Amino acid sequence: MMTLRQVEVIRAVMVTGTIGGAAKLLNVSAPGISRLVKYTERSLGIRFFQRQNGRYFPTLEAENIFEQINGVYKKVDDLSEIISKIGRGGLSELRIGSVPSISQVMVPRAIERVRRRYPDLGIDINILKLEEAIDYLMLGRGECVAMSYRLEHSGLDFMPLASGELYCIVPPGHELAGRKQVSAAEITRYPLIGIDPNDPYGRIMAEIFARHRLEYNITIRARFGTTVCALVKAGLGIAIIDQFTVAHGGYPGIELIKITEPTRFDTYIAVKRGAPLSLHVEYFIESLRAEMRAVEPSRGKGRAAPPRARKR
């Protein structure tokens, strides 16, 4: 029986025709190559080479063996290539979902990290409503979903991502523009866009308004943050938005103002209970968590500065 090392050495001598050439090819010493060739021939009782003028020529008896050696070596090469492709993500696909608020800025930043580590990885991103996440995971359409709310479901597990806060957004030139803080009472004096009490973020503000017995006028309902931002930018009202939608200047042309009342919320990664996670999705989760925690509010008494929004 030949070891893989013996196969490698015998093939190197066969390819180069000399002990010195085989040593250079394998980056080892020539005496070591010579000893291993002699040991292999002696232990197997087969003469692999004829020596003529310092060169090594395969014997007739060894021709069939060399054919098999080349086959083994090709399989080793194929294995190495497959391992390399796997390391670059070439034979896999990352399938993830996200609610719109996290998909706008945070998911692309996390995916950029994933792409650097796995340049050949196939990536499929689905933007989902909260109620769509259950089927997406339970039916195996994807491995994880970035969520703005924790659902109660026996088939799902939830892992924490990061905490965030809500901000009031106004168009440039608005009466509130330039303010550092605004209270819930002040917010209700203006036409509001997109506050839905059934939405996780909308519920936070609705509870604040109810607690302070504040009436508010919703002039336009719009569920997704990007639409809300566009309506505010167009001067159609003011709105409440989560910080992750507008982080890193994600939507220019609006101004962000802190809300006086506490508006903290938590976000999660949902996965199917008991389902193993691929290395790629584990790295995506790690990257997404890092990106979101980099902009989350301070857990101390102080509060983080509003996510930077560019003005035009």
Protein backbone atom coordinates (compact mmCIF):
# COMPACT_ATOMS: atom_id res chain seq x y z
CA MET A 1 0.00 0.00 0.00
CA MET A 2 1.31 3.43 -0.94
CA THR A 3 0.75 6.52 1.13
CA LEU A 4 -0.33 9.81 -0.44
CA ARG A 5 3.15 11.16 0.26
CA GLN A 6 4.73 8.29 -1.66
CA VAL A 7 2.29 8.85 -4.53
CA GLU A 8 3.22 12.55 -4.56
CA VAL A 9 6.97 11.87 -4.60
CA ILE A 10 6.87 9.11 -7.24
CA ARG A 11 4.74 11.31 -9.48
CA ALA A 12 7.08 14.29 -9.01
CA VAL A 13 10.07 12.19 -10.13
CA MET A 14 8.07 10.89 -13.07
CA VAL A 15 7.05 14.40 -14.15
CA THR A 16 10.46 16.07 -13.75
CA GLY A 17 12.69 13.08 -14.65
CA THR A 18 15.23 13.87 -11.93
CA ILE A 19 15.55 13.71 -8.17
CA GLY A 20 16.64 17.34 -8.06
CA GLY A 21 13.65 18.43 -10.16
CA ALA A 22 11.24 16.53 -7.92
CA ALA A 23 12.82 18.11 -4.85
CA LYS A 24 12.32 21.62 -6.28
CA LEU A 25 8.76 20.80 -7.31
CA LEU A 26 7.89 19.63 -3.79
CA ASN A 27 10.17 22.13 -2.04
CA VAL A 28 12.05 19.45 -0.07
CA SER A 29 15.62 18.12 -0.01
CA ALA A 30 16.89 15.89 -2.83
CA PRO A 31 18.33 13.23 -0.47
CA GLY A 32 14.91 12.89 1.15
CA ILE A 33 13.30 12.30 -2.25
CA SER A 34 15.95 9.71 -3.18
CA ARG A 35 15.53 7.82 0.09
CA LEU A 36 11.76 7.71 -0.20
CA VAL A 37 11.90 6.43 -3.81
CA LYS A 38 14.31 3.63 -2.81
CA TYR A 39 12.25 2.76 0.26
CA THR A 40 9.01 2.62 -1.80
CA GLU A 41 10.58 0.38 -4.45
CA ARG A 42 12.05 -1.91 -1.81
CA SER A 43 8.89 -2.17 0.31
CA LEU A 44 6.63 -2.86 -2.67
CA GLY A 45 9.08 -5.05 -4.56
CA ILE A 46 8.62 -2.97 -7.69
CA ARG A 47 11.20 -1.04 -9.65
CA PHE A 48 9.63 2.24 -10.70
CA PHE A 49 12.53 3.86 -12.57
CA GLN A 50 15.54 3.10 -14.70
CA ARG A 51 18.45 5.45 -14.00
CA GLN A 52 20.33 6.67 -17.06
CA ASN A 53 22.82 9.54 -16.96
CA GLY A 54 21.23 11.04 -13.88
CA ARG A 55 17.69 10.92 -15.28
CA TYR A 56 14.85 8.68 -14.15
CA PHE A 57 12.69 6.88 -16.73
CA PRO A 58 9.59 4.85 -15.82
CA THR A 59 10.03 1.07 -16.21
CA LEU A 60 7.63 -0.93 -18.34
CA GLU A 61 6.36 -2.69 -15.22
CA ALA A 62 5.47 0.64 -13.63
CA GLU A 63 3.49 2.13 -16.54
CA ASN A 64 0.12 0.88 -15.24
CA ILE A 65 0.97 2.07 -11.74
CA PHE A 66 1.79 5.52 -13.03
CA GLU A 67 -1.55 5.70 -14.80
CA GLN A 68 -3.30 4.98 -11.50
CA ILE A 69 -1.04 7.44 -9.67
CA ASN A 70 -2.06 10.19 -12.09
CA GLY A 71 -5.69 9.32 -11.47
CA VAL A 72 -5.21 9.55 -7.71
CA TYR A 73 -3.34 12.83 -8.05
CA LYS A 74 -6.09 14.27 -10.25
CA LYS A 75 -8.66 13.38 -7.61
CA VAL A 76 -6.51 15.11 -4.99
CA ASP A 77 -6.32 18.18 -7.25
CA ASP A 78 -10.10 18.05 -7.71
CA LEU A 79 -10.56 17.81 -3.94
CA SER A 80 -8.28 20.80 -3.39
CA GLU A 81 -10.21 22.80 -5.97
CA ILE A 82 -13.53 21.95 -4.34
CA ILE A 83 -12.19 22.90 -0.92
CA SER A 84 -10.97 26.21 -2.35
CA LYS A 85 -14.37 26.90 -3.92
CA ILE A 86 -16.13 26.11 -0.66
CA GLY A 87 -13.79 28.47 1.17
CA ARG A 88 -14.74 31.24 -1.27
CA GLY A 89 -18.44 30.33 -1.13
CA GLY A 90 -18.56 29.24 -4.77
CA LEU A 91 -20.71 26.14 -4.25
CA SER A 92 -23.19 27.70 -1.81
CA GLU A 93 -25.95 30.27 -1.64
CA LEU A 94 -26.79 32.58 1.24
CA ARG A 95 -30.58 32.92 1.48
CA ILE A 96 -31.72 35.52 3.98
CA GLY A 97 -34.77 37.66 4.61
CA SER A 98 -35.25 41.03 6.29
CA VAL A 99 -38.00 43.42 7.21
CA PRO A 100 -37.75 46.68 5.21
CA SER A 101 -36.47 48.84 8.07
CA ILE A 102 -33.33 46.73 8.48
CA SER A 103 -32.89 45.93 4.77
CA GLN A 104 -32.53 49.56 3.70
CA VAL A 105 -29.07 50.27 5.15
CA MET A 106 -27.99 47.61 7.62
CA VAL A 107 -28.33 44.49 5.47
CA PRO A 108 -26.33 45.91 2.53
CA ARG A 109 -23.51 46.88 4.90
CA ALA A 110 -23.49 43.37 6.40
CA ILE A 111 -23.59 41.78 2.94
CA GLU A 112 -20.56 43.85 1.94
CA ARG A 113 -18.65 42.16 4.78
CA VAL A 114 -19.89 38.75 3.69
CA ARG A 115 -18.84 39.39 0.10
CA ARG A 116 -15.31 40.27 1.19
CA ARG A 117 -14.94 36.96 3.03
CA TYR A 118 -16.82 34.81 0.50
CA PRO A 119 -16.30 36.47 -2.90
CA ASP A 120 -17.94 33.68 -4.91
CA LEU A 121 -20.95 33.12 -2.64
CA GLY A 122 -24.38 33.26 -4.26
CA ILE A 123 -26.67 35.60 -2.31
CA ASP A 124 -30.47 35.78 -2.32
CA ILE A 125 -32.10 38.55 -0.26
CA ASN A 126 -35.84 38.72 0.33
CA ILE A 127 -37.60 41.79 1.74
CA LEU A 128 -40.45 40.47 3.89
CA LYS A 129 -43.36 41.77 5.90
CA LEU A 130 -43.44 40.51 9.49
CA GLU A 131 -46.25 38.08 8.74
CA GLU A 132 -44.33 36.61 5.79
CA ALA A 133 -41.31 35.65 7.89
CA ILE A 134 -42.93 32.55 9.39
CA ASP A 135 -43.60 30.82 6.06
CA TYR A 136 -40.21 31.92 4.73
CA LEU A 137 -38.42 30.08 7.53
CA MET A 138 -40.77 27.17 8.17
CA LEU A 139 -40.91 26.22 4.47
CA GLY A 140 -37.11 26.37 4.17
CA ARG A 141 -37.00 29.24 1.70
CA GLY A 142 -34.22 30.90 3.68
CA GLU A 143 -32.08 30.42 6.76
CA CYS A 144 -32.77 33.58 8.75
CA VAL A 145 -34.82 36.77 8.84
CA ALA A 146 -33.82 40.09 10.39
CA MET A 147 -36.85 41.18 12.42
CA SER A 148 -38.05 44.38 14.10
CA TYR A 149 -40.26 42.41 16.46
CA ARG A 150 -40.21 39.10 18.30
CA LEU A 151 -43.08 36.80 17.35
CA GLU A 152 -44.43 34.00 19.50
CA HIS A 153 -44.04 30.82 17.46
CA SER A 154 -43.10 27.33 18.63
CA GLY A 155 -41.12 26.61 15.47
CA LEU A 156 -38.88 29.69 15.57
CA ASP A 157 -35.96 30.85 17.68
CA PHE A 158 -35.01 34.51 18.09
CA MET A 159 -31.50 35.84 18.67
CA PRO A 160 -30.93 39.47 19.67
CA LEU A 161 -29.45 41.84 17.10
CA ALA A 162 -29.38 45.37 18.49
CA SER A 163 -31.49 48.02 20.14
CA GLY A 164 -32.62 51.18 18.44
CA GLU A 165 -34.64 54.36 18.91
CA LEU A 166 -37.23 56.23 16.93
CA TYR A 167 -36.70 59.71 15.53
CA CYS A 168 -38.95 62.41 14.23
CA ILE A 169 -38.17 63.29 10.63
CA VAL A 170 -39.07 66.58 8.99
CA PRO A 171 -38.32 68.21 5.63
CA PRO A 172 -35.74 71.01 5.47
CA GLY A 173 -37.32 74.37 6.22
CA HIS A 174 -40.00 72.89 8.48
CA GLU A 175 -40.83 74.72 11.75
CA LEU A 176 -39.15 71.89 13.67
CA ALA A 177 -36.07 71.75 11.46
CA GLY A 178 -32.88 72.41 13.35
CA ARG A 179 -34.31 71.27 16.68
CA LYS A 180 -32.24 68.78 18.72
CA GLN A 181 -35.27 67.33 20.52
CA VAL A 182 -39.00 67.26 20.15
CA SER A 183 -41.70 65.96 22.50
CA ALA A 184 -44.66 63.78 21.61
CA ALA A 185 -46.98 66.67 22.35
CA GLU A 186 -45.14 68.89 19.87
CA ILE A 187 -45.21 66.15 17.23
CA THR A 188 -49.02 65.88 17.38
CA ARG A 189 -49.37 69.53 16.34
CA TYR A 190 -48.42 68.62 12.80
CA PRO A 191 -49.88 66.29 10.15
CA LEU A 192 -48.37 62.84 10.60
CA ILE A 193 -47.42 60.25 8.02
CA GLY A 194 -47.35 56.51 8.55
CA ILE A 195 -48.14 55.94 12.26
CA ASP A 196 -49.79 52.51 12.32
CA PRO A 197 -50.59 51.23 15.85
CA ASN A 198 -50.34 47.64 14.55
CA ASP A 199 -46.75 48.15 13.40
CA PRO A 200 -44.03 47.44 16.00
CA TYR A 201 -42.59 50.94 15.71
CA GLY A 202 -45.96 52.61 15.33
CA ARG A 203 -47.15 50.86 18.48
CA ILE A 204 -44.42 52.55 20.51
CA MET A 205 -45.56 56.04 19.49
CA ALA A 206 -49.25 55.15 19.74
CA GLU A 207 -48.72 54.06 23.35
CA ILE A 208 -46.87 57.30 24.14
CA PHE A 209 -49.68 59.36 22.63
CA ALA A 210 -52.29 57.34 24.54
CA ARG A 211 -50.40 57.60 27.83
CA HIS A 212 -50.29 61.40 27.52
CA ARG A 213 -53.86 61.56 26.15
CA LEU A 214 -52.65 63.17 22.96
CA GLU A 215 -54.75 63.24 19.83
CA TYR A 216 -52.92 63.02 16.53
CA ASN A 217 -53.89 63.35 12.90
CA ILE A 218 -52.59 60.77 10.41
CA THR A 219 -52.99 62.32 7.00
CA ILE A 220 -51.20 59.62 4.99
CA ARG A 221 -50.65 55.96 5.89
CA ALA A 222 -47.55 54.35 4.47
CA ARG A 223 -46.12 51.16 5.86
CA PHE A 224 -42.53 51.10 4.65
CA GLY A 225 -39.88 53.51 5.90
CA THR A 226 -38.51 54.43 2.51
CA THR A 227 -41.97 55.54 1.37
CA VAL A 228 -42.47 57.50 4.58
CA CYS A 229 -39.15 59.27 4.07
CA ALA A 230 -40.02 60.14 0.49
CA LEU A 231 -43.37 61.62 1.56
CA VAL A 232 -41.71 63.70 4.27
CA LYS A 233 -39.05 64.88 1.84
CA ALA A 234 -41.85 65.99 -0.49
CA GLY A 235 -43.18 68.23 2.30
CA LEU A 236 -46.39 66.25 2.89
CA GLY A 237 -46.00 66.02 6.66
CA ILE A 238 -43.68 64.82 9.38
CA ALA A 239 -43.17 61.24 10.54
CA ILE A 240 -41.61 58.87 13.05
CA ILE A 241 -38.90 56.57 11.71
CA ASP A 242 -36.58 53.97 13.19
CA GLN A 243 -32.92 54.86 13.28
CA PHE A 244 -31.78 51.89 11.20
CA THR A 245 -33.74 53.00 8.13
CA VAL A 246 -31.92 56.33 8.06
CA ALA A 247 -28.53 55.35 9.52
CA HIS A 248 -25.37 56.47 7.72
CA GLY A 249 -27.31 59.05 5.72
CA GLY A 250 -29.48 56.28 4.28
CA TYR A 251 -32.11 58.78 3.15
CA PRO A 252 -30.79 62.28 2.35
CA GLY A 253 -33.01 65.33 2.16
CA ILE A 254 -34.69 64.98 5.56
CA GLU A 255 -33.74 66.12 9.06
CA LEU A 256 -33.69 63.86 12.12
CA ILE A 257 -34.77 65.01 15.59
CA LYS A 258 -34.59 63.07 18.84
CA ILE A 259 -37.84 62.32 20.60
CA THR A 260 -37.93 63.36 24.26
CA GLU A 261 -39.88 60.32 25.45
CA PRO A 262 -38.15 56.89 25.55
CA THR A 263 -38.70 55.04 22.26
CA ARG A 264 -36.21 52.20 22.61
CA PHE A 265 -36.93 48.95 20.75
CA ASP A 266 -35.13 45.65 20.15
CA THR A 267 -34.43 43.82 16.90
CA TYR A 268 -33.86 40.11 16.34
CA ILE A 269 -32.68 37.42 13.97
CA ALA A 270 -35.30 34.69 13.53
CA VAL A 271 -34.30 31.15 12.55
CA LYS A 272 -36.13 27.87 12.26
CA ARG A 273 -35.87 25.99 15.55
CA GLY A 274 -33.49 23.05 15.35
CA ALA A 275 -32.25 23.85 11.84
CA PRO A 276 -28.43 23.93 11.50
CA LEU A 277 -27.03 27.23 10.24
CA SER A 278 -24.42 27.38 7.51
CA LEU A 279 -21.09 29.10 8.12
CA HIS A 280 -22.17 31.76 5.66
CA VAL A 281 -25.37 32.67 7.48
CA GLU A 282 -23.55 32.63 10.83
CA TYR A 283 -21.08 35.16 9.44
CA PHE A 284 -23.93 37.24 7.99
CA ILE A 285 -25.63 37.35 11.41
CA GLU A 286 -22.35 38.29 13.07
CA SER A 287 -21.79 41.05 10.49
CA LEU A 288 -25.33 42.40 10.71
CA ARG A 289 -25.18 42.48 14.51
CA ALA A 290 -21.86 44.35 14.39
CA GLU A 291 -23.20 46.93 11.93
CA MET A 292 -26.38 47.55 13.91
CA ARG A 293 -24.71 47.70 17.30
CA ALA A 294 -22.24 50.22 15.96
CA VAL A 295 -25.08 52.76 15.69
CA GLU A 296 -27.36 51.68 18.54
CA PRO A 297 -28.07 54.14 21.39
CA SER A 298 -25.88 54.12 24.46
CA ARG A 299 -27.09 51.79 27.19
CA GLY A 300 -26.07 54.30 29.84
CA LYS A 301 -27.84 57.47 30.92
CA GLY A 302 -26.68 59.33 27.87
CA ARG A 303 -28.18 58.87 24.44
CA ALA A 304 -26.49 58.42 21.14
CA ALA A 305 -26.46 61.21 18.61
CA PRO A 306 -29.04 60.86 15.83
CA PRO A 307 -27.94 58.80 12.83
CA ARG A 308 -26.28 61.13 10.39
CA ALA A 309 -28.62 62.31 7.63
CA ARG A 310 -27.21 64.36 4.79
CA LYS A 311 -28.88 67.56 3.74
CA ARG A 312 -29.21 68.69 0.16
